[in-house]
Amino acid sequence: MIVVHSGFGDDYDSIRDNLWNLVTMARLKYPEYSLHFTGHSLGGALATLASLEAVYSLKYDNVTIVTFGSPRVGGVMFAYTWNTLLSSRSLRLVHEFDLVPHLPPSKIGFSHVGMEVWQHKGHIEKCRESIEDPSCSYSVPFIEGVVSDHFEYIGIKFNCTSVPKELLE
């Protein structure tokens, strides 16, 4: 059975119609363009769900995704299905001791999707291709996590209420 966190599923459902109406209009105007999904935190979870729908249900074949500090979105079967379709076209960035990627806990059946890239000790490390690489962010005990690492990725400071000014310039 494929399980998705109910909160992320509900949030995605609340934007789904508007998202696909906009994508449909854009694809009519620019049919040769690819779809690129990205998001930080909850936005990463929503991008994960949207990218799966794009490939699985809507049959788009030119889809990529990059997330920053994304939580685990679904269970093991969700991650398996997602990885089968999208893993080679994805990056999941995790900054050092960011707490959010450790939620919801793997102990209760949630799993990450995609290739993790771990920003750790001043380096960017591509992790092994697995759902939870024990040598990357998964090696950090939750108790050692820090909230501040959730708000800075690759030198860009984020907050959850506005777009970083660096991206607007």
N, C-alpha and C. Protein backbone atom coordinates (compact mmCIF):
# COMPACT_ATOMS: atom_id res chain seq x y z
N MET A 1 0.84 -1.19 0.00
CA MET A 1 0.00 0.00 0.00
C MET A 1 0.88 1.25 0.00
N ILE A 2 0.54 2.20 -0.84
CA ILE A 2 1.29 3.45 -0.92
C ILE A 2 0.71 4.43 0.08
N VAL A 3 1.57 4.91 0.99
CA VAL A 3 1.16 5.84 2.05
C VAL A 3 1.85 7.18 1.84
N VAL A 4 1.07 8.26 1.92
CA VAL A 4 1.58 9.63 1.89
C VAL A 4 1.14 10.29 3.19
N HIS A 5 2.02 11.08 3.79
CA HIS A 5 1.68 11.81 5.01
C HIS A 5 0.41 12.62 4.75
N SER A 6 -0.58 12.49 5.60
CA SER A 6 -1.88 13.12 5.36
C SER A 6 -1.80 14.64 5.27
N GLY A 7 -0.95 15.26 6.08
CA GLY A 7 -0.81 16.72 6.01
C GLY A 7 -0.26 17.18 4.68
N PHE A 8 0.77 16.49 4.18
CA PHE A 8 1.34 16.85 2.88
C PHE A 8 0.34 16.56 1.77
N GLY A 9 -0.36 15.45 1.88
CA GLY A 9 -1.38 15.12 0.89
C GLY A 9 -2.49 16.15 0.84
N ASP A 10 -2.95 16.58 2.00
CA ASP A 10 -4.00 17.61 2.06
C ASP A 10 -3.51 18.93 1.49
N ASP A 11 -2.29 19.32 1.84
CA ASP A 11 -1.73 20.58 1.31
C ASP A 11 -1.61 20.51 -0.21
N TYR A 12 -1.13 19.37 -0.71
CA TYR A 12 -1.01 19.22 -2.16
C TYR A 12 -2.38 19.29 -2.83
N ASP A 13 -3.36 18.62 -2.25
CA ASP A 13 -4.71 18.67 -2.81
C ASP A 13 -5.24 20.10 -2.89
N SER A 14 -4.84 20.95 -1.92
CA SER A 14 -5.33 22.33 -1.90
C SER A 14 -4.75 23.19 -3.02
N ILE A 15 -3.62 22.79 -3.60
CA ILE A 15 -3.01 23.57 -4.69
C ILE A 15 -3.06 22.87 -6.03
N ARG A 16 -3.45 21.62 -6.02
CA ARG A 16 -3.35 20.75 -7.18
C ARG A 16 -4.04 21.31 -8.43
N ASP A 17 -5.30 21.68 -8.32
CA ASP A 17 -6.03 22.16 -9.51
C ASP A 17 -5.39 23.41 -10.09
N ASN A 18 -5.05 24.37 -9.25
CA ASN A 18 -4.42 25.60 -9.75
C ASN A 18 -3.07 25.29 -10.39
N LEU A 19 -2.28 24.44 -9.75
CA LEU A 19 -0.97 24.08 -10.29
C LEU A 19 -1.10 23.50 -11.69
N TRP A 20 -1.96 22.51 -11.84
CA TRP A 20 -2.03 21.84 -13.15
C TRP A 20 -2.72 22.68 -14.20
N ASN A 21 -3.61 23.59 -13.79
CA ASN A 21 -4.16 24.55 -14.77
C ASN A 21 -3.06 25.45 -15.31
N LEU A 22 -2.19 25.94 -14.42
CA LEU A 22 -1.07 26.79 -14.86
C LEU A 22 -0.07 26.02 -15.71
N VAL A 23 0.24 24.80 -15.30
CA VAL A 23 1.18 23.99 -16.08
C VAL A 23 0.60 23.69 -17.46
N THR A 24 -0.67 23.37 -17.53
CA THR A 24 -1.31 23.08 -18.81
C THR A 24 -1.24 24.29 -19.74
N MET A 25 -1.53 25.48 -19.21
CA MET A 25 -1.44 26.70 -20.03
C MET A 25 -0.01 26.94 -20.50
N ALA A 26 0.95 26.77 -19.61
CA ALA A 26 2.35 26.97 -19.98
C ALA A 26 2.81 25.96 -21.03
N ARG A 27 2.38 24.71 -20.88
CA ARG A 27 2.80 23.67 -21.84
C ARG A 27 2.16 23.87 -23.21
N LEU A 28 0.98 24.48 -23.25
CA LEU A 28 0.38 24.80 -24.55
C LEU A 28 1.20 25.87 -25.27
N LYS A 29 1.70 26.82 -24.50
CA LYS A 29 2.49 27.90 -25.08
C LYS A 29 3.92 27.46 -25.37
N TYR A 30 4.47 26.59 -24.52
CA TYR A 30 5.87 26.17 -24.64
C TYR A 30 5.96 24.64 -24.56
N PRO A 31 5.48 23.94 -25.56
CA PRO A 31 5.40 22.47 -25.48
C PRO A 31 6.76 21.78 -25.39
N GLU A 32 7.81 22.43 -25.84
CA GLU A 32 9.13 21.80 -25.84
C GLU A 32 9.86 21.96 -24.51
N TYR A 33 9.32 22.75 -23.61
CA TYR A 33 9.98 23.00 -22.33
C TYR A 33 9.84 21.83 -21.37
N SER A 34 10.83 21.71 -20.50
CA SER A 34 10.79 20.70 -19.44
C SER A 34 10.06 21.24 -18.22
N LEU A 35 9.65 20.33 -17.34
CA LEU A 35 9.09 20.73 -16.05
C LEU A 35 10.17 20.55 -14.99
N HIS A 36 10.42 21.62 -14.24
CA HIS A 36 11.40 21.57 -13.16
C HIS A 36 10.69 21.94 -11.87
N PHE A 37 10.71 21.04 -10.91
CA PHE A 37 10.09 21.28 -9.61
C PHE A 37 11.18 21.53 -8.59
N THR A 38 10.92 22.48 -7.69
CA THR A 38 11.84 22.74 -6.59
C THR A 38 11.05 23.25 -5.40
N GLY A 39 11.63 23.10 -4.22
CA GLY A 39 10.97 23.61 -3.04
C GLY A 39 11.83 23.41 -1.81
N HIS A 40 11.61 24.26 -0.83
CA HIS A 40 12.29 24.20 0.47
C HIS A 40 11.26 23.77 1.51
N SER A 41 11.62 22.80 2.33
CA SER A 41 10.80 22.37 3.45
C SER A 41 9.45 21.82 2.95
N LEU A 42 8.34 22.38 3.38
CA LEU A 42 7.04 21.94 2.90
C LEU A 42 6.97 22.06 1.38
N GLY A 43 7.59 23.08 0.83
CA GLY A 43 7.62 23.23 -0.63
C GLY A 43 8.31 22.05 -1.30
N GLY A 44 9.31 21.48 -0.64
CA GLY A 44 9.97 20.28 -1.16
C GLY A 44 9.04 19.09 -1.15
N ALA A 45 8.25 18.97 -0.08
CA ALA A 45 7.27 17.88 -0.01
C ALA A 45 6.24 18.02 -1.13
N LEU A 46 5.76 19.23 -1.36
CA LEU A 46 4.78 19.46 -2.41
C LEU A 46 5.38 19.22 -3.79
N ALA A 47 6.63 19.63 -3.99
CA ALA A 47 7.32 19.38 -5.26
C ALA A 47 7.47 17.88 -5.50
N THR A 48 7.73 17.13 -4.43
CA THR A 48 7.86 15.68 -4.54
C THR A 48 6.55 15.07 -5.03
N LEU A 49 5.45 15.49 -4.45
CA LEU A 49 4.14 14.97 -4.86
C LEU A 49 3.79 15.40 -6.28
N ALA A 50 4.06 16.65 -6.61
CA ALA A 50 3.73 17.15 -7.96
C ALA A 50 4.56 16.45 -9.02
N SER A 51 5.84 16.21 -8.74
CA SER A 51 6.68 15.56 -9.74
C SER A 51 6.21 14.13 -10.00
N LEU A 52 5.77 13.43 -8.95
CA LEU A 52 5.27 12.08 -9.15
C LEU A 52 3.99 12.10 -9.98
N GLU A 53 3.10 13.02 -9.68
CA GLU A 53 1.87 13.10 -10.47
C GLU A 53 2.18 13.43 -11.92
N ALA A 54 3.14 14.31 -12.15
CA ALA A 54 3.51 14.70 -13.51
C ALA A 54 3.97 13.49 -14.33
N VAL A 55 4.80 12.65 -13.71
CA VAL A 55 5.36 11.51 -14.43
C VAL A 55 4.40 10.32 -14.47
N TYR A 56 3.81 9.99 -13.32
CA TYR A 56 3.00 8.78 -13.20
C TYR A 56 1.61 8.94 -13.82
N SER A 57 0.92 9.99 -13.43
CA SER A 57 -0.47 10.15 -13.87
C SER A 57 -0.61 10.93 -15.17
N LEU A 58 0.16 11.99 -15.29
CA LEU A 58 0.01 12.87 -16.45
C LEU A 58 0.95 12.50 -17.59
N LYS A 59 1.87 11.56 -17.35
CA LYS A 59 2.77 11.00 -18.37
C LYS A 59 3.73 12.02 -18.97
N TYR A 60 4.13 13.04 -18.21
CA TYR A 60 5.18 13.93 -18.66
C TYR A 60 6.50 13.18 -18.56
N ASP A 61 7.33 13.32 -19.56
CA ASP A 61 8.59 12.58 -19.53
C ASP A 61 9.81 13.46 -19.30
N ASN A 62 9.65 14.74 -19.31
CA ASN A 62 10.78 15.64 -19.17
C ASN A 62 10.67 16.41 -17.86
N VAL A 63 10.85 15.72 -16.73
CA VAL A 63 10.63 16.27 -15.40
C VAL A 63 11.90 16.11 -14.56
N THR A 64 12.28 17.18 -13.85
CA THR A 64 13.38 17.11 -12.88
C THR A 64 12.91 17.77 -11.59
N ILE A 65 13.63 17.45 -10.49
CA ILE A 65 13.26 18.00 -9.19
C ILE A 65 14.50 18.18 -8.33
N VAL A 66 14.54 19.32 -7.61
CA VAL A 66 15.56 19.61 -6.61
C VAL A 66 14.84 20.13 -5.38
N THR A 67 15.11 19.51 -4.22
CA THR A 67 14.50 19.99 -2.98
C THR A 67 15.58 20.37 -1.98
N PHE A 68 15.21 21.23 -1.05
CA PHE A 68 16.09 21.72 0.00
C PHE A 68 15.40 21.49 1.34
N GLY A 69 15.98 20.67 2.20
CA GLY A 69 15.41 20.45 3.52
C GLY A 69 14.03 19.84 3.51
N SER A 70 13.79 18.96 2.57
CA SER A 70 12.47 18.34 2.46
C SER A 70 12.28 17.28 3.53
N PRO A 71 11.09 17.22 4.11
CA PRO A 71 10.77 16.11 5.02
C PRO A 71 10.51 14.83 4.22
N ARG A 72 10.40 13.74 4.93
CA ARG A 72 9.96 12.48 4.31
C ARG A 72 8.48 12.63 3.98
N VAL A 73 8.10 12.30 2.75
CA VAL A 73 6.74 12.55 2.28
C VAL A 73 5.83 11.34 2.43
N GLY A 74 6.39 10.16 2.24
CA GLY A 74 5.54 8.97 2.25
C GLY A 74 6.27 7.76 2.80
N GLY A 75 5.58 6.64 2.70
CA GLY A 75 6.12 5.38 3.20
C GLY A 75 7.08 4.74 2.21
N VAL A 76 7.51 3.54 2.56
CA VAL A 76 8.50 2.82 1.77
C VAL A 76 8.01 2.55 0.34
N MET A 77 6.77 2.15 0.17
CA MET A 77 6.25 1.88 -1.17
C MET A 77 6.12 3.17 -2.00
N PHE A 78 5.76 4.26 -1.34
CA PHE A 78 5.74 5.55 -2.03
C PHE A 78 7.15 5.87 -2.52
N ALA A 79 8.14 5.74 -1.63
CA ALA A 79 9.53 6.05 -2.00
C ALA A 79 10.01 5.13 -3.12
N TYR A 80 9.66 3.86 -3.06
CA TYR A 80 10.07 2.92 -4.10
C TYR A 80 9.47 3.33 -5.45
N THR A 81 8.18 3.63 -5.47
CA THR A 81 7.51 4.03 -6.71
C THR A 81 8.13 5.31 -7.25
N TRP A 82 8.30 6.30 -6.37
CA TRP A 82 8.87 7.58 -6.77
C TRP A 82 10.28 7.39 -7.33
N ASN A 83 11.11 6.63 -6.60
CA ASN A 83 12.50 6.42 -7.04
C ASN A 83 12.57 5.67 -8.36
N THR A 84 11.67 4.73 -8.59
CA THR A 84 11.65 4.00 -9.85
C THR A 84 11.44 4.95 -11.02
N LEU A 85 10.61 5.96 -10.83
CA LEU A 85 10.26 6.88 -11.91
C LEU A 85 11.14 8.13 -11.98
N LEU A 86 11.66 8.59 -10.84
CA LEU A 86 12.28 9.92 -10.82
C LEU A 86 13.68 10.01 -10.21
N SER A 87 14.17 8.98 -9.60
CA SER A 87 15.42 9.09 -8.86
C SER A 87 16.57 9.63 -9.70
N SER A 88 16.66 9.21 -10.94
CA SER A 88 17.77 9.65 -11.79
C SER A 88 17.64 11.12 -12.21
N ARG A 89 16.51 11.73 -11.92
CA ARG A 89 16.27 13.12 -12.32
C ARG A 89 16.06 14.03 -11.11
N SER A 90 16.67 13.64 -9.97
CA SER A 90 16.39 14.39 -8.75
C SER A 90 17.64 14.60 -7.90
N LEU A 91 17.57 15.65 -7.09
CA LEU A 91 18.54 15.90 -6.02
C LEU A 91 17.76 16.37 -4.81
N ARG A 92 18.16 15.85 -3.66
CA ARG A 92 17.54 16.23 -2.38
C ARG A 92 18.65 16.76 -1.49
N LEU A 93 18.74 18.09 -1.35
CA LEU A 93 19.79 18.70 -0.55
C LEU A 93 19.41 18.74 0.92
N VAL A 94 20.38 18.37 1.76
CA VAL A 94 20.22 18.40 3.21
C VAL A 94 21.42 19.14 3.78
N HIS A 95 21.16 20.15 4.61
CA HIS A 95 22.23 20.94 5.21
C HIS A 95 22.57 20.41 6.60
N GLU A 96 23.81 19.97 6.72
CA GLU A 96 24.44 19.56 7.98
C GLU A 96 23.50 18.89 8.96
N PHE A 97 23.00 19.63 9.96
CA PHE A 97 22.20 19.06 11.04
C PHE A 97 20.74 19.49 10.98
N ASP A 98 20.24 19.80 9.79
CA ASP A 98 18.85 20.21 9.61
C ASP A 98 17.92 19.14 10.20
N LEU A 99 16.99 19.57 11.05
CA LEU A 99 16.04 18.66 11.69
C LEU A 99 14.93 18.16 10.76
N VAL A 100 14.46 19.02 9.88
CA VAL A 100 13.27 18.72 9.09
C VAL A 100 13.40 17.46 8.25
N PRO A 101 14.54 17.20 7.60
CA PRO A 101 14.63 15.96 6.83
C PRO A 101 14.53 14.68 7.67
N HIS A 102 14.57 14.80 8.98
CA HIS A 102 14.40 13.64 9.86
C HIS A 102 12.93 13.40 10.23
N LEU A 103 12.04 14.20 9.66
CA LEU A 103 10.61 14.10 9.97
C LEU A 103 9.81 13.74 8.73
N PRO A 104 8.67 13.13 8.87
CA PRO A 104 8.30 12.26 9.97
C PRO A 104 9.33 11.15 10.12
N PRO A 105 9.41 10.56 11.29
CA PRO A 105 10.48 9.58 11.56
C PRO A 105 10.41 8.33 10.70
N SER A 106 11.59 7.83 10.35
CA SER A 106 11.65 6.57 9.60
C SER A 106 11.16 5.41 10.47
N LYS A 107 11.26 5.56 11.79
CA LYS A 107 10.81 4.51 12.72
C LYS A 107 9.34 4.16 12.54
N ILE A 108 8.55 5.12 12.04
CA ILE A 108 7.12 4.86 11.86
C ILE A 108 6.77 4.61 10.39
N GLY A 109 7.81 4.33 9.59
CA GLY A 109 7.56 3.87 8.23
C GLY A 109 7.74 4.86 7.11
N PHE A 110 8.20 6.08 7.39
CA PHE A 110 8.39 7.07 6.33
C PHE A 110 9.81 6.95 5.77
N SER A 111 9.93 7.21 4.45
CA SER A 111 11.22 7.10 3.76
C SER A 111 11.43 8.28 2.83
N HIS A 112 12.71 8.64 2.67
CA HIS A 112 13.06 9.69 1.71
C HIS A 112 13.02 9.17 0.29
N VAL A 113 12.95 10.10 -0.63
CA VAL A 113 13.04 9.79 -2.05
C VAL A 113 14.27 10.48 -2.62
N GLY A 114 14.73 9.99 -3.75
CA GLY A 114 15.77 10.67 -4.51
C GLY A 114 17.17 10.56 -3.94
N MET A 115 18.08 11.14 -4.69
CA MET A 115 19.49 11.15 -4.35
C MET A 115 19.77 12.28 -3.37
N GLU A 116 20.29 11.94 -2.20
CA GLU A 116 20.65 12.96 -1.21
C GLU A 116 21.99 13.58 -1.56
N VAL A 117 22.06 14.88 -1.43
CA VAL A 117 23.31 15.63 -1.50
C VAL A 117 23.41 16.34 -0.16
N TRP A 118 24.46 16.00 0.59
CA TRP A 118 24.60 16.47 1.97
C TRP A 118 25.64 17.57 2.06
N GLN A 119 25.22 18.74 2.50
CA GLN A 119 26.12 19.86 2.77
C GLN A 119 26.61 19.67 4.21
N HIS A 120 27.87 19.20 4.33
CA HIS A 120 28.38 18.77 5.64
C HIS A 120 29.83 19.18 5.79
N LYS A 121 30.16 19.82 6.91
CA LYS A 121 31.53 20.24 7.22
C LYS A 121 32.16 21.06 6.09
N GLY A 122 31.35 21.94 5.52
CA GLY A 122 31.84 22.82 4.47
C GLY A 122 31.98 22.19 3.10
N HIS A 123 31.55 20.96 2.92
CA HIS A 123 31.64 20.26 1.64
C HIS A 123 30.25 19.84 1.18
N ILE A 124 30.14 19.57 -0.10
CA ILE A 124 28.93 19.01 -0.66
C ILE A 124 29.25 17.56 -1.02
N GLU A 125 28.50 16.64 -0.45
CA GLU A 125 28.77 15.21 -0.62
C GLU A 125 27.58 14.52 -1.27
N LYS A 126 27.82 13.89 -2.41
CA LYS A 126 26.78 13.08 -3.05
C LYS A 126 26.74 11.75 -2.31
N CYS A 127 25.58 11.40 -1.84
CA CYS A 127 25.43 10.19 -1.05
C CYS A 127 25.18 8.99 -1.94
N ARG A 128 25.30 7.82 -1.36
CA ARG A 128 25.03 6.60 -2.11
C ARG A 128 23.57 6.58 -2.53
N GLU A 129 23.29 5.89 -3.59
CA GLU A 129 21.92 5.79 -4.06
C GLU A 129 21.15 4.82 -3.18
N SER A 130 20.51 5.36 -2.19
CA SER A 130 19.64 4.56 -1.33
C SER A 130 18.60 5.49 -0.74
N ILE A 131 17.56 4.92 -0.20
CA ILE A 131 16.51 5.75 0.37
C ILE A 131 17.03 6.49 1.59
N GLU A 132 17.76 5.83 2.45
CA GLU A 132 18.35 6.45 3.64
C GLU A 132 19.81 6.01 3.72
N ASP A 133 20.74 6.85 3.28
CA ASP A 133 22.16 6.51 3.30
C ASP A 133 22.69 6.71 4.71
N PRO A 134 23.12 5.65 5.38
CA PRO A 134 23.58 5.76 6.76
C PRO A 134 24.88 6.55 6.93
N SER A 135 25.55 6.87 5.83
CA SER A 135 26.79 7.66 5.94
C SER A 135 26.55 9.15 5.69
N CYS A 136 25.32 9.53 5.43
CA CYS A 136 25.02 10.94 5.17
C CYS A 136 24.15 11.50 6.30
N SER A 137 23.17 12.34 6.00
CA SER A 137 22.41 13.01 7.06
C SER A 137 21.70 12.02 7.99
N TYR A 138 21.42 10.84 7.49
CA TYR A 138 20.77 9.82 8.32
C TYR A 138 21.67 9.40 9.49
N SER A 139 22.97 9.69 9.38
CA SER A 139 23.91 9.35 10.46
C SER A 139 23.81 10.31 11.64
N VAL A 140 23.14 11.44 11.46
CA VAL A 140 23.01 12.44 12.51
C VAL A 140 21.81 12.10 13.39
N PRO A 141 22.03 11.83 14.67
CA PRO A 141 20.89 11.57 15.56
C PRO A 141 19.99 12.80 15.64
N PHE A 142 18.69 12.57 15.66
CA PHE A 142 17.71 13.66 15.71
C PHE A 142 18.03 14.63 16.84
N ILE A 143 18.45 14.12 17.97
CA ILE A 143 18.73 14.94 19.14
C ILE A 143 19.86 15.95 18.88
N GLU A 144 20.71 15.68 17.87
CA GLU A 144 21.82 16.57 17.53
C GLU A 144 21.43 17.60 16.46
N GLY A 145 20.21 17.51 15.98
CA GLY A 145 19.77 18.43 14.94
C GLY A 145 19.62 19.85 15.46
N VAL A 146 19.76 20.80 14.55
CA VAL A 146 19.60 22.21 14.90
C VAL A 146 18.66 22.88 13.89
N VAL A 147 17.81 23.73 14.41
CA VAL A 147 16.82 24.40 13.57
C VAL A 147 17.50 25.36 12.59
N SER A 148 18.56 26.04 13.01
CA SER A 148 19.18 27.05 12.15
C SER A 148 19.68 26.46 10.83
N ASP A 149 20.09 25.20 10.81
CA ASP A 149 20.55 24.59 9.56
C ASP A 149 19.43 24.43 8.55
N HIS A 150 18.20 24.48 9.00
CA HIS A 150 17.07 24.37 8.08
C HIS A 150 16.90 25.65 7.24
N PHE A 151 17.43 26.74 7.72
CA PHE A 151 17.19 28.04 7.08
C PHE A 151 18.35 28.56 6.26
N GLU A 152 19.35 27.71 6.00
CA GLU A 152 20.45 28.13 5.12
C GLU A 152 20.90 26.94 4.29
N TYR A 153 20.86 27.12 2.99
CA TYR A 153 21.30 26.09 2.06
C TYR A 153 22.20 26.72 1.01
N ILE A 154 23.33 26.08 0.78
CA ILE A 154 24.35 26.51 -0.19
C ILE A 154 24.57 28.03 -0.15
N GLY A 155 24.65 28.54 1.06
CA GLY A 155 24.94 29.95 1.26
C GLY A 155 23.75 30.89 1.13
N ILE A 156 22.59 30.38 0.91
CA ILE A 156 21.38 31.21 0.78
C ILE A 156 20.54 31.02 2.03
N LYS A 157 20.16 32.13 2.66
CA LYS A 157 19.33 32.07 3.86
C LYS A 157 17.86 32.07 3.45
N PHE A 158 17.12 31.13 4.02
CA PHE A 158 15.69 30.99 3.77
C PHE A 158 14.94 31.31 5.06
N ASN A 159 13.70 31.72 4.91
CA ASN A 159 12.76 31.64 6.02
C ASN A 159 11.47 31.11 5.43
N CYS A 160 10.63 30.62 6.25
CA CYS A 160 9.44 29.93 5.73
C CYS A 160 8.29 30.86 5.40
N THR A 161 8.51 32.16 5.45
CA THR A 161 7.42 33.07 5.12
C THR A 161 7.70 33.95 3.91
N SER A 162 8.93 33.91 3.37
CA SER A 162 9.20 34.74 2.21
C SER A 162 10.32 34.13 1.37
N VAL A 163 10.42 34.60 0.15
CA VAL A 163 11.47 34.17 -0.76
C VAL A 163 12.76 34.89 -0.39
N PRO A 164 13.91 34.19 -0.38
CA PRO A 164 15.18 34.87 -0.08
C PRO A 164 15.42 36.00 -1.06
N LYS A 165 15.85 37.16 -0.55
CA LYS A 165 16.04 38.33 -1.41
C LYS A 165 17.09 38.06 -2.49
N GLU A 166 18.04 37.15 -2.24
CA GLU A 166 19.07 36.82 -3.22
C GLU A 166 18.45 36.23 -4.49
N LEU A 167 17.33 35.54 -4.34
CA LEU A 167 16.68 34.94 -5.50
C LEU A 167 15.87 35.93 -6.29
N LEU A 168 15.56 37.06 -5.69
CA LEU A 168 14.75 38.07 -6.37
C LEU A 168 15.60 39.07 -7.14
N GLU A 169 16.90 39.09 -6.88
CA GLU A 169 17.78 40.08 -7.53
C GLU A 169 18.21 39.64 -8.90
